[in-house]
C-alpha atoms as a PDB file:
ATOM      1  CA  UNK A   1     -29.043  -1.957   6.227  1.00  0.00           C
ATOM      2  CA  UNK A   2     -27.333   1.395   6.778  1.00  0.00           C
ATOM      3  CA  UNK A   3     -23.875   2.891   6.359  1.00  0.00           C
ATOM      4  CA  UNK A   4     -23.758   3.311  10.139  1.00  0.00           C
ATOM      5  CA  UNK A   5     -24.224  -0.437  10.602  1.00  0.00           C
ATOM      6  CA  UNK A   6     -21.440  -1.129   8.113  1.00  0.00           C
ATOM      7  CA  UNK A   7     -19.128   1.272   9.948  1.00  0.00           C
ATOM      8  CA  UNK A   8     -19.902  -0.550  13.202  1.00  0.00           C
ATOM      9  CA  UNK A   9     -19.002  -3.901  11.631  1.00  0.00           C
ATOM     10  CA  UNK A  10     -15.681  -2.539  10.365  1.00  0.00           C
ATOM     11  CA  UNK A  11     -14.829  -0.987  13.747  1.00  0.00           C
ATOM     12  CA  UNK A  12     -15.589  -4.189  15.668  1.00  0.00           C
ATOM     13  CA  UNK A  13     -13.561  -6.305  13.246  1.00  0.00           C
ATOM     14  CA  UNK A  14     -10.625  -3.896  13.548  1.00  0.00           C
ATOM     15  CA  UNK A  15     -10.606  -3.686  17.359  1.00  0.00           C
ATOM     16  CA  UNK A  16     -11.787  -7.219  18.146  1.00  0.00           C
ATOM     17  CA  UNK A  17     -14.034  -5.766  20.824  1.00  0.00           C
ATOM     18  CA  UNK A  18     -17.546  -4.306  21.028  1.00  0.00           C
ATOM     19  CA  UNK A  19     -16.436  -2.125  23.938  1.00  0.00           C
ATOM     20  CA  UNK A  20     -13.419  -0.641  22.138  1.00  0.00           C
ATOM     21  CA  UNK A  21     -15.392  -0.134  18.934  1.00  0.00           C
ATOM     22  CA  UNK A  22     -18.121   1.684  20.851  1.00  0.00           C
ATOM     23  CA  UNK A  23     -15.518   3.902  22.507  1.00  0.00           C
ATOM     24  CA  UNK A  24     -13.894   4.828  19.194  1.00  0.00           C
ATOM     25  CA  UNK A  25     -17.273   5.542  17.608  1.00  0.00           C
ATOM     26  CA  UNK A  26     -18.547   7.539  20.644  1.00  0.00           C
ATOM     27  CA  UNK A  27     -21.612   5.354  21.139  1.00  0.00           C
ATOM     28  CA  UNK A  28     -22.655   3.083  24.004  1.00  0.00           C
ATOM     29  CA  UNK A  29     -21.773  -0.604  23.995  1.00  0.00           C
ATOM     30  CA  UNK A  30     -25.439  -1.694  24.302  1.00  0.00           C
ATOM     31  CA  UNK A  31     -26.306   0.477  21.284  1.00  0.00           C
ATOM     32  CA  UNK A  32     -23.608  -1.019  19.077  1.00  0.00           C
ATOM     33  CA  UNK A  33     -24.428  -4.560  20.238  1.00  0.00           C
ATOM     34  CA  UNK A  34     -28.128  -4.044  19.488  1.00  0.00           C
ATOM     35  CA  UNK A  35     -27.338  -2.594  16.050  1.00  0.00           C
ATOM     36  CA  UNK A  36     -25.178  -5.577  15.098  1.00  0.00           C
ATOM     37  CA  UNK A  37     -27.820  -8.056  16.297  1.00  0.00           C
ATOM     38  CA  UNK A  38     -30.405  -6.311  14.131  1.00  0.00           C
ATOM     39  CA  UNK A  39     -28.079  -6.448  11.132  1.00  0.00           C
ATOM     40  CA  UNK A  40     -27.340 -10.148  11.652  1.00  0.00           C
ATOM     41  CA  UNK A  41     -31.075 -10.859  11.841  1.00  0.00           C
ATOM     42  CA  UNK A  42     -31.672  -8.880   8.654  1.00  0.00           C
ATOM     43  CA  UNK A  43     -28.880 -10.711   6.818  1.00  0.00           C
ATOM     44  CA  UNK A  44     -29.671 -14.107   8.274  1.00  0.00           C
ATOM     45  CA  UNK A  45     -25.999 -14.765   9.060  1.00  0.00           C
ATOM     46  CA  UNK A  46     -23.731 -14.491  12.090  1.00  0.00           C
ATOM     47  CA  UNK A  47     -21.033 -11.880  11.573  1.00  0.00           C
ATOM     48  CA  UNK A  48     -19.156 -12.270  14.856  1.00  0.00           C
ATOM     49  CA  UNK A  49     -18.328 -15.089  17.232  1.00  0.00           C
ATOM     50  CA  UNK A  50     -18.567 -13.746  20.785  1.00  0.00           C
ATOM     51  CA  UNK A  51     -16.309 -15.390  23.393  1.00  0.00           C
ATOM     52  CA  UNK A  52     -14.915 -14.522  26.822  1.00  0.00           C
ATOM     53  CA  UNK A  53     -11.549 -13.858  25.166  1.00  0.00           C
ATOM     54  CA  UNK A  54     -12.851 -11.470  22.548  1.00  0.00           C
ATOM     55  CA  UNK A  55     -14.810 -11.152  19.335  1.00  0.00           C
ATOM     56  CA  UNK A  56     -13.913 -13.043  16.162  1.00  0.00           C
ATOM     57  CA  UNK A  57     -15.173 -12.460  12.645  1.00  0.00           C
ATOM     58  CA  UNK A  58     -16.905 -15.544  11.246  1.00  0.00           C
ATOM     59  CA  UNK A  59     -16.186 -16.951   7.798  1.00  0.00           C
ATOM     60  CA  UNK A  60     -19.353 -15.378   6.389  1.00  0.00           C
ATOM     61  CA  UNK A  61     -18.520 -12.253   8.369  1.00  0.00           C
ATOM     62  CA  UNK A  62     -15.165 -11.942   6.615  1.00  0.00           C
ATOM     63  CA  UNK A  63     -16.880 -12.139   3.258  1.00  0.00           C
ATOM     64  CA  UNK A  64     -19.395  -9.478   4.319  1.00  0.00           C
ATOM     65  CA  UNK A  65     -16.601  -7.316   5.761  1.00  0.00           C
ATOM     66  CA  UNK A  66     -14.891  -7.125   2.372  1.00  0.00           C
ATOM     67  CA  UNK A  67     -18.023  -5.655   0.764  1.00  0.00           C
ATOM     68  CA  UNK A  68     -18.729  -3.440   3.777  1.00  0.00           C
ATOM     69  CA  UNK A  69     -15.302  -1.789   3.495  1.00  0.00           C
ATOM     70  CA  UNK A  70     -15.837  -1.171  -0.196  1.00  0.00           C
ATOM     71  CA  UNK A  71     -19.313   0.311   0.372  1.00  0.00           C
ATOM     72  CA  UNK A  72     -18.164   2.586   3.201  1.00  0.00           C
ATOM     73  CA  UNK A  73     -15.167   3.695   1.165  1.00  0.00           C
ATOM     74  CA  UNK A  74     -17.401   4.666  -1.733  1.00  0.00           C
ATOM     75  CA  UNK A  75     -19.792   6.493   0.593  1.00  0.00           C
ATOM     76  CA  UNK A  76     -16.942   8.469   2.129  1.00  0.00           C
ATOM     77  CA  UNK A  77     -15.764   9.448  -1.339  1.00  0.00           C
ATOM     78  CA  UNK A  78     -19.229  10.811  -2.118  1.00  0.00           C
ATOM     79  CA  UNK A  79     -19.283  12.710   1.192  1.00  0.00           C
ATOM     80  CA  UNK A  80     -15.847  14.111   0.502  1.00  0.00           C
ATOM     81  CA  UNK A  81     -16.611  15.277  -3.029  1.00  0.00           C
ATOM     82  CA  UNK A  82     -20.244  16.372  -2.879  1.00  0.00           C
ATOM     83  CA  UNK A  83     -21.462  16.827   0.706  1.00  0.00           C
ATOM     84  CA  UNK A  84     -18.612  17.964   2.944  1.00  0.00           C
ATOM     85  CA  UNK A  85     -17.393  21.540   3.195  1.00  0.00           C
ATOM     86  CA  UNK A  86     -14.391  20.607   1.026  1.00  0.00           C
ATOM     87  CA  UNK A  87     -16.494  20.008  -2.074  1.00  0.00           C
ATOM     88  CA  UNK A  88     -15.336  23.275  -3.670  1.00  0.00           C
ATOM     89  CA  UNK A  89     -11.677  22.285  -3.336  1.00  0.00           C
ATOM     90  CA  UNK A  90      -9.571  20.477  -5.914  1.00  0.00           C
ATOM     91  CA  UNK A  91      -9.198  16.775  -5.091  1.00  0.00           C
ATOM     92  CA  UNK A  92      -6.554  14.264  -6.099  1.00  0.00           C
ATOM     93  CA  UNK A  93      -5.296  11.054  -4.524  1.00  0.00           C
ATOM     94  CA  UNK A  94      -2.518   8.644  -5.441  1.00  0.00           C
ATOM     95  CA  UNK A  95      -1.531   5.320  -3.852  1.00  0.00           C
ATOM     96  CA  UNK A  96       1.904   3.808  -4.218  1.00  0.00           C
ATOM     97  CA  UNK A  97       4.349   1.226  -3.072  1.00  0.00           C
ATOM     98  CA  UNK A  98       7.425   2.634  -1.343  1.00  0.00           C
ATOM     99  CA  UNK A  99       8.970   4.621  -4.211  1.00  0.00           C
ATOM    100  CA  UNK A 100      10.318   8.099  -3.568  1.00  0.00           C
ATOM    101  CA  UNK A 101      10.236   9.020  -7.263  1.00  0.00           C
ATOM    102  CA  UNK A 102       6.441   8.614  -7.159  1.00  0.00           C
ATOM    103  CA  UNK A 103       6.317  11.160  -4.327  1.00  0.00           C
ATOM    104  CA  UNK A 104       8.555  13.541  -6.287  1.00  0.00           C
ATOM    105  CA  UNK A 105       6.233  13.205  -9.295  1.00  0.00           C
ATOM    106  CA  UNK A 106       3.282  14.068  -7.052  1.00  0.00           C
ATOM    107  CA  UNK A 107       4.994  17.192  -5.725  1.00  0.00           C
ATOM    108  CA  UNK A 108       5.924  18.314  -9.236  1.00  0.00           C
ATOM    109  CA  UNK A 109       2.385  17.683 -10.511  1.00  0.00           C
ATOM    110  CA  UNK A 110       0.495  19.682  -7.882  1.00  0.00           C
ATOM    111  CA  UNK A 111       2.818  22.662  -8.375  1.00  0.00           C
ATOM    112  CA  UNK A 112       1.033  23.322 -11.674  1.00  0.00           C
ATOM    113  CA  UNK A 113      -2.417  23.816 -10.138  1.00  0.00           C
ATOM    114  CA  UNK A 114      -4.263  26.421  -8.090  1.00  0.00           C
ATOM    115  CA  UNK A 115      -2.816  26.433  -4.578  1.00  0.00           C
ATOM    116  CA  UNK A 116      -5.631  28.345  -2.898  1.00  0.00           C
ATOM    117  CA  UNK A 117      -7.960  25.406  -2.158  1.00  0.00           C
ATOM    118  CA  UNK A 118      -7.273  21.699  -2.435  1.00  0.00           C
ATOM    119  CA  UNK A 119      -7.462  18.306  -0.717  1.00  0.00           C
ATOM    120  CA  UNK A 120      -4.672  16.002  -1.868  1.00  0.00           C
ATOM    121  CA  UNK A 121      -3.822  12.526  -0.563  1.00  0.00           C
ATOM    122  CA  UNK A 122      -0.714  10.353  -0.860  1.00  0.00           C
ATOM    123  CA  UNK A 123      -1.042   6.764   0.353  1.00  0.00           C
ATOM    124  CA  UNK A 124       2.328   5.008   0.571  1.00  0.00           C
ATOM    125  CA  UNK A 125       1.165   1.543   1.491  1.00  0.00           C
ATOM    126  CA  UNK A 126       1.192  -2.177   0.820  1.00  0.00           C
ATOM    127  CA  UNK A 127       0.513  -3.619  -2.623  1.00  0.00           C
ATOM    128  CA  UNK A 128      -2.972  -4.974  -1.925  1.00  0.00           C
ATOM    129  CA  UNK A 129      -4.149  -1.601  -0.677  1.00  0.00           C
ATOM    130  CA  UNK A 130      -2.749   0.192  -3.731  1.00  0.00           C
ATOM    131  CA  UNK A 131      -4.779  -2.125  -5.969  1.00  0.00           C
ATOM    132  CA  UNK A 132      -7.939  -1.748  -3.884  1.00  0.00           C
ATOM    133  CA  UNK A 133      -7.608   2.021  -3.585  1.00  0.00           C
ATOM    134  CA  UNK A 134      -7.520   2.436  -7.354  1.00  0.00           C
ATOM    135  CA  UNK A 135     -10.208  -0.184  -7.906  1.00  0.00           C
ATOM    136  CA  UNK A 136     -12.528   1.630  -5.473  1.00  0.00           C
ATOM    137  CA  UNK A 137     -11.492   5.122  -6.690  1.00  0.00           C
ATOM    138  CA  UNK A 138     -10.074   6.099  -3.323  1.00  0.00           C
ATOM    139  CA  UNK A 139      -7.059   6.956  -5.478  1.00  0.00           C
ATOM    140  CA  UNK A 140      -7.195   7.901  -9.127  1.00  0.00           C
ATOM    141  CA  UNK A 141      -3.688   6.636  -9.892  1.00  0.00           C
ATOM    142  CA  UNK A 142      -1.552   3.922  -8.324  1.00  0.00           C
ATOM    143  CA  UNK A 143       2.144   3.073  -8.646  1.00  0.00           C
ATOM    144  CA  UNK A 144       3.139  -0.591  -8.378  1.00  0.00           C
ATOM    145  CA  UNK A 145       5.861  -2.989  -9.473  1.00  0.00           C
ATOM    146  CA  UNK A 146       6.299  -6.689 -10.114  1.00  0.00           C
ATOM    147  CA  UNK A 147       9.191  -9.046 -10.796  1.00  0.00           C
ATOM    148  CA  UNK A 148       9.403 -12.338 -12.664  1.00  0.00           C
ATOM    149  CA  UNK A 149       8.405 -14.211  -9.512  1.00  0.00           C
ATOM    150  CA  UNK A 150       4.997 -12.551  -9.168  1.00  0.00           C
ATOM    151  CA  UNK A 151       4.318 -11.129 -12.646  1.00  0.00           C
ATOM    152  CA  UNK A 152       1.615 -13.655 -13.590  1.00  0.00           C
ATOM    153  CA  UNK A 153      -0.270 -13.234 -10.332  1.00  0.00           C
ATOM    154  CA  UNK A 154      -0.094  -9.432 -10.481  1.00  0.00           C
ATOM    155  CA  UNK A 155      -1.364  -9.347 -14.049  1.00  0.00           C
ATOM    156  CA  UNK A 156      -4.249 -11.634 -13.091  1.00  0.00           C
ATOM    157  CA  UNK A 157      -5.153  -9.331 -10.182  1.00  0.00           C
ATOM    158  CA  UNK A 158      -5.071  -6.348 -12.522  1.00  0.00           C
ATOM    159  CA  UNK A 159      -7.499  -8.095 -14.867  1.00  0.00           C
ATOM    160  CA  UNK A 160      -9.758  -9.178 -12.009  1.00  0.00           C
ATOM    161  CA  UNK A 161      -9.810  -5.636 -10.599  1.00  0.00           C
ATOM    162  CA  UNK A 162     -10.373  -4.115 -14.072  1.00  0.00           C
ATOM    163  CA  UNK A 163      -7.194  -2.052 -13.822  1.00  0.00           C
ATOM    164  CA  UNK A 164      -4.938  -0.888 -16.619  1.00  0.00           C
ATOM    165  CA  UNK A 165      -1.154  -1.088 -16.071  1.00  0.00           C
ATOM    166  CA  UNK A 166       1.232   1.164 -18.004  1.00  0.00           C
ATOM    167  CA  UNK A 167       4.947   0.418 -17.766  1.00  0.00           C
ATOM    168  CA  UNK A 168       7.216   3.311 -16.802  1.00  0.00           C
ATOM    169  CA  UNK A 169      10.545   1.554 -16.319  1.00  0.00           C
ATOM    170  CA  UNK A 170      12.360  -1.743 -15.781  1.00  0.00           C
ATOM    171  CA  UNK A 171      15.111  -1.522 -13.182  1.00  0.00           C
ATOM    172  CA  UNK A 172      17.978  -3.840 -12.275  1.00  0.00           C
ATOM    173  CA  UNK A 173      18.330  -5.103  -8.729  1.00  0.00           C
ATOM    174  CA  UNK A 174      20.446  -3.388  -6.082  1.00  0.00           C
ATOM    175  CA  UNK A 175      20.870  -3.731  -2.336  1.00  0.00           C
ATOM    176  CA  UNK A 176      20.948  -0.793   0.075  1.00  0.00           C
ATOM    177  CA  UNK A 177      23.391  -0.894   2.984  1.00  0.00           C
ATOM    178  CA  UNK A 178      24.678   1.602   5.521  1.00  0.00           C
ATOM    179  CA  UNK A 179      28.022   3.223   4.659  1.00  0.00           C
ATOM    180  CA  UNK A 180      29.741   1.331   7.511  1.00  0.00           C
ATOM    181  CA  UNK A 181      28.418  -2.088   6.478  1.00  0.00           C
ATOM    182  CA  UNK A 182      31.212  -4.704   6.106  1.00  0.00           C
ATOM    183  CA  UNK A 183      30.380  -5.008   2.384  1.00  0.00           C
ATOM    184  CA  UNK A 184      30.027  -1.283   1.737  1.00  0.00           C
ATOM    185  CA  UNK A 185      33.221  -1.101  -0.343  1.00  0.00           C
ATOM    186  CA  UNK A 186      32.027  -3.704  -2.858  1.00  0.00           C
ATOM    187  CA  UNK A 187      30.922  -2.724  -6.355  1.00  0.00           C
ATOM    188  CA  UNK A 188      28.818  -5.880  -6.564  1.00  0.00           C
ATOM    189  CA  UNK A 189      27.542  -8.431  -4.046  1.00  0.00           C
ATOM    190  CA  UNK A 190      25.674 -11.730  -4.233  1.00  0.00           C
ATOM    191  CA  UNK A 191      22.898 -13.173  -2.107  1.00  0.00           C
ATOM    192  CA  UNK A 192      25.499 -15.618  -0.818  1.00  0.00           C
ATOM    193  CA  UNK A 193      27.651 -12.699   0.380  1.00  0.00           C
ATOM    194  CA  UNK A 194      24.626 -11.302   2.226  1.00  0.00           C
ATOM    195  CA  UNK A 195      23.607 -14.576   3.853  1.00  0.00           C
ATOM    196  CA  UNK A 196      24.731 -13.659   7.391  1.00  0.00           C
ATOM    197  CA  UNK A 197      22.985 -10.272   7.378  1.00  0.00           C
ATOM    198  CA  UNK A 198      19.259  -9.563   7.931  1.00  0.00           C
ATOM    199  CA  UNK A 199      17.145  -8.626   4.924  1.00  0.00           C
ATOM    200  CA  UNK A 200      14.667  -5.842   5.743  1.00  0.00           C
ATOM    201  CA  UNK A 201      11.450  -6.189   3.759  1.00  0.00           C
ATOM    202  CA  UNK A 202       8.248  -4.166   3.659  1.00  0.00           C
ATOM    203  CA  UNK A 203       5.555  -6.143   5.450  1.00  0.00           C
ATOM    204  CA  UNK A 204       2.578  -6.739   3.154  1.00  0.00           C
ATOM    205  CA  UNK A 205       0.537  -8.129   6.080  1.00  0.00           C
ATOM    206  CA  UNK A 206      -1.392 -10.412   3.746  1.00  0.00           C
ATOM    207  CA  UNK A 207      -2.016 -14.116   3.275  1.00  0.00           C
ATOM    208  CA  UNK A 208      -0.711 -13.563  -0.263  1.00  0.00           C
ATOM    209  CA  UNK A 209       2.464 -11.797   0.895  1.00  0.00           C
ATOM    210  CA  UNK A 210       4.718 -13.823  -1.425  1.00  0.00           C
ATOM    211  CA  UNK A 211       2.703 -12.797  -4.478  1.00  0.00           C
ATOM    212  CA  UNK A 212       2.324  -9.160  -3.417  1.00  0.00           C
ATOM    213  CA  UNK A 213       5.944  -8.441  -2.476  1.00  0.00           C
ATOM    214  CA  UNK A 214       7.180  -5.133  -3.855  1.00  0.00           C
ATOM    215  CA  UNK A 215      10.844  -6.141  -3.750  1.00  0.00           C
ATOM    216  CA  UNK A 216      12.615  -8.416  -6.220  1.00  0.00           C
ATOM    217  CA  UNK A 217      13.258 -12.043  -5.209  1.00  0.00           C
ATOM    218  CA  UNK A 218       9.861 -12.367  -3.571  1.00  0.00           C
ATOM    219  CA  UNK A 219      10.170 -16.154  -3.745  1.00  0.00           C
ATOM    220  CA  UNK A 220      13.686 -16.313  -2.267  1.00  0.00           C
ATOM    221  CA  UNK A 221      14.094 -18.041   1.091  1.00  0.00           C
ATOM    222  CA  UNK A 222      16.152 -15.506   3.060  1.00  0.00           C
ATOM    223  CA  UNK A 223      17.673 -16.953   6.240  1.00  0.00           C
ATOM    224  CA  UNK A 224      17.227 -13.727   8.209  1.00  0.00           C
ATOM    225  CA  UNK A 225      14.255 -11.444   7.597  1.00  0.00           C
ATOM    226  CA  UNK A 226      12.952  -8.393   9.433  1.00  0.00           C
ATOM    227  CA  UNK A 227       9.631  -6.980   8.233  1.00  0.00           C
ATOM    228  CA  UNK A 228       8.737  -3.331   8.573  1.00  0.00           C
ATOM    229  CA  UNK A 229       5.835  -1.137   7.486  1.00  0.00           C
ATOM    230  CA  UNK A 230       7.675   2.186   7.709  1.00  0.00           C
ATOM    231  CA  UNK A 231      10.480   3.625   5.579  1.00  0.00           C
ATOM    232  CA  UNK A 232      12.217   5.380   8.503  1.00  0.00           C
ATOM    233  CA  UNK A 233      12.045   2.246  10.648  1.00  0.00           C
ATOM    234  CA  UNK A 234      13.537   0.197   7.822  1.00  0.00           C
ATOM    235  CA  UNK A 235      16.413   2.661   7.451  1.00  0.00           C
ATOM    236  CA  UNK A 236      17.118   2.518  11.199  1.00  0.00           C
ATOM    237  CA  UNK A 237      17.129  -1.296  11.173  1.00  0.00           C
ATOM    238  CA  UNK A 238      19.496  -1.422   8.208  1.00  0.00           C
ATOM    239  CA  UNK A 239      21.946   1.063   9.704  1.00  0.00           C
ATOM    240  CA  UNK A 240      22.035  -0.378  13.243  1.00  0.00           C
ATOM    241  CA  UNK A 241      21.901  -4.120  12.468  1.00  0.00           C
ATOM    242  CA  UNK A 242      24.146  -4.278   9.390  1.00  0.00           C
ATOM    243  CA  UNK A 243      21.053  -5.183   7.453  1.00  0.00           C
ATOM    244  CA  UNK A 244      20.168  -4.559   3.853  1.00  0.00           C
ATOM    245  CA  UNK A 245      17.137  -4.010   1.678  1.00  0.00           C
ATOM    246  CA  UNK A 246      16.506  -4.747  -1.967  1.00  0.00           C
ATOM    247  CA  UNK A 247      15.771  -1.887  -4.325  1.00  0.00           C
ATOM    248  CA  UNK A 248      16.352  -0.274  -7.694  1.00  0.00           C
ATOM    249  CA  UNK A 249      19.485   1.865  -7.299  1.00  0.00           C
ATOM    250  CA  UNK A 250      20.450   5.459  -6.609  1.00  0.00           C
ATOM    251  CA  UNK A 251      18.923   7.124  -9.648  1.00  0.00           C
ATOM    252  CA  UNK A 252      15.419   7.583  -8.321  1.00  0.00           C
ATOM    253  CA  UNK A 253      15.745   7.059  -4.612  1.00  0.00           C
ATOM    254  CA  UNK A 254      15.498   9.439  -1.686  1.00  0.00           C
ATOM    255  CA  UNK A 255      18.012  12.122  -0.738  1.00  0.00           C
ATOM    256  CA  UNK A 256      18.723   9.949   2.286  1.00  0.00           C
ATOM    257  CA  UNK A 257      20.898   7.888  -0.081  1.00  0.00           C
ATOM    258  CA  UNK A 258      23.356  10.796   0.034  1.00  0.00           C
ATOM    259  CA  UNK A 259      23.464  10.834   3.829  1.00  0.00           C
ATOM    260  CA  UNK A 260      24.861   7.440   4.615  1.00  0.00           C
ATOM    261  CA  UNK A 261      23.202   4.739   2.526  1.00  0.00           C
ATOM    262  CA  UNK A 262      24.847   3.072  -0.455  1.00  0.00           C
ATOM    263  CA  UNK A 263      23.358   1.151  -3.375  1.00  0.00           C
ATOM    264  CA  UNK A 264      25.368  -1.869  -4.520  1.00  0.00           C
ATOM    265  CA  UNK A 265      24.596  -3.882  -7.649  1.00  0.00           C
ATOM    266  CA  UNK A 266      23.358  -7.406  -6.935  1.00  0.00           C
ATOM    267  CA  UNK A 267      24.968 -10.205  -8.966  1.00  0.00           C
ATOM    268  CA  UNK A 268      21.739 -12.167  -9.174  1.00  0.00           C
ATOM    269  CA  UNK A 269      19.154 -10.218 -11.097  1.00  0.00           C
ATOM    270  CA  UNK A 270      15.363 -10.148 -10.870  1.00  0.00           C
ATOM    271  CA  UNK A 271      14.413  -6.902 -12.680  1.00  0.00           C
ATOM    272  CA  UNK A 272      11.441  -4.946 -11.388  1.00  0.00           C
ATOM    273  CA  UNK A 273       8.864  -3.622 -13.826  1.00  0.00           C
ATOM    274  CA  UNK A 274       7.429  -0.414 -12.392  1.00  0.00           C
ATOM    275  CA  UNK A 275       4.423   1.448 -13.709  1.00  0.00           C
ATOM    276  CA  UNK A 276       1.162   3.175 -12.924  1.00  0.00           C
ATOM    277  CA  UNK A 277      -2.372   1.821 -12.767  1.00  0.00           C
ATOM    278  CA  UNK A 278      -5.754   3.396 -13.409  1.00  0.00           C
ATOM    279  CA  UNK A 279      -9.220   1.926 -13.737  1.00  0.00           C
ATOM    280  CA  UNK A 280     -10.190   0.548 -17.131  1.00  0.00           C
ATOM    281  CA  UNK A 281     -12.007   3.119 -19.275  1.00  0.00           C
ATOM    282  CA  UNK A 282     -11.448   5.831 -16.659  1.00  0.00           C
ATOM    283  CA  UNK A 283     -11.267   9.423 -17.932  1.00  0.00           C
ATOM    284  CA  UNK A 284      -8.233  10.776 -16.127  1.00  0.00           C
ATOM    285  CA  UNK A 285      -8.572  14.203 -14.496  1.00  0.00           C
ATOM    286  CA  UNK A 286      -6.334  17.109 -15.446  1.00  0.00           C
ATOM    287  CA  UNK A 287      -4.213  16.689 -12.324  1.00  0.00           C
ATOM    288  CA  UNK A 288      -4.116  12.929 -12.879  1.00  0.00           C
ATOM    289  CA  UNK A 289      -2.789  13.514 -16.391  1.00  0.00           C
ATOM    290  CA  UNK A 290      -0.142  15.857 -15.046  1.00  0.00           C
ATOM    291  CA  UNK A 291       0.899  13.310 -12.433  1.00  0.00           C
ATOM    292  CA  UNK A 292       1.227  10.615 -15.097  1.00  0.00           C
ATOM    293  CA  UNK A 293       3.249  13.042 -17.228  1.00  0.00           C
ATOM    294  CA  UNK A 294       5.628  13.547 -14.306  1.00  0.00           C
ATOM    295  CA  UNK A 295       5.917   9.793 -13.753  1.00  0.00           C
ATOM    296  CA  UNK A 296       6.764   9.216 -17.408  1.00  0.00           C
ATOM    297  CA  UNK A 297       9.745  11.553 -17.112  1.00  0.00           C
ATOM    298  CA  UNK A 298      11.430   8.637 -15.364  1.00  0.00           C
ATOM    299  CA  UNK A 299      10.728   6.326 -18.300  1.00  0.00           C
ATOM    300  CA  UNK A 300      13.867   4.662 -19.609  1.00  0.00           C
END
C-alpha cells in the first residue's frame, strides 16, 4: 500500500468518477483503475461499486476512506515541514468556526513574529473539520463553540478525539438582520417574531449536523431555513431576503456590522460557550501560545 494509492482513493471518492479523478491527478484512467484493483486485492475488500451511472464508495470503502484521509493528511504535513522547499519557513495553522474575532487574534499574533519567511494557514470551516484538523495536527489550535443543545455531544467528541477545550467566553444570543429589515428598529425580538423570515445557517454538511451546529438553538425546528457555507453569501441572503442569522452580538463581530447589519437581542436565550482546542499533552509552539494569548483577550 502506498500514499499514491491512498490519494487515488480519495480523489475517486470525491469526484465519483475514475475518469475525472485521473484527469485531476494527471494520470491515465487505465493506470488509476489498475492501481485501485491492485489495492482492493491487497486489502481483500471492495472499495468502490462501479455502475453505468457512476462510482459509489462501498460501506467498507467509507471506513477505509476515513483512515486514508488521515494518513494522507499526516504525510502532507511531513512533506510540508521537512521535505518541501518551505521547511525553513515558520509554520502555523489554525482552524475555526465562523468567528471574526478568531481571525483578528490570528492577525495580531503573527504580527509579533519574523515576517521574512513563513507559511501560515487559516481554515474557517465546519465544526467536524475543525475537530479533525486539530486531532490530525493539520492545525495546532482550533476555535469552536457549543450551546446547551449540543454540549454533551461536543464534550464526548473532544474526549474521543483526545482534545483539550479551554473556555474563552460565554455569549448571549443575538440575531443579525439588515438595517432595512422590518424588525430592525426593535431592541429585542423573539423566535415567534422571526417566524415568517428565513433563518440563514452555516451548512455543516454532515449526518450529525444537528449536533455539530455552530449557532445557538441547534435543535430548534425553524420553518424557513437557508444553508450556506460562505460568510459573504450568508450576508447577501440576509440582506436581500429579509433573512436573519443567529450570533453573539456586535462586540466581536466583523466591521461589516457597521455597514448595514444590526445585532438585536433574542428574547429566548441559548448561550454559546466559545473556546479553543488543542491536542491533549501537546506542547504549544511559540506562535501558538501567542495566538492563544490574543484569543484570551476576549475572555469575559
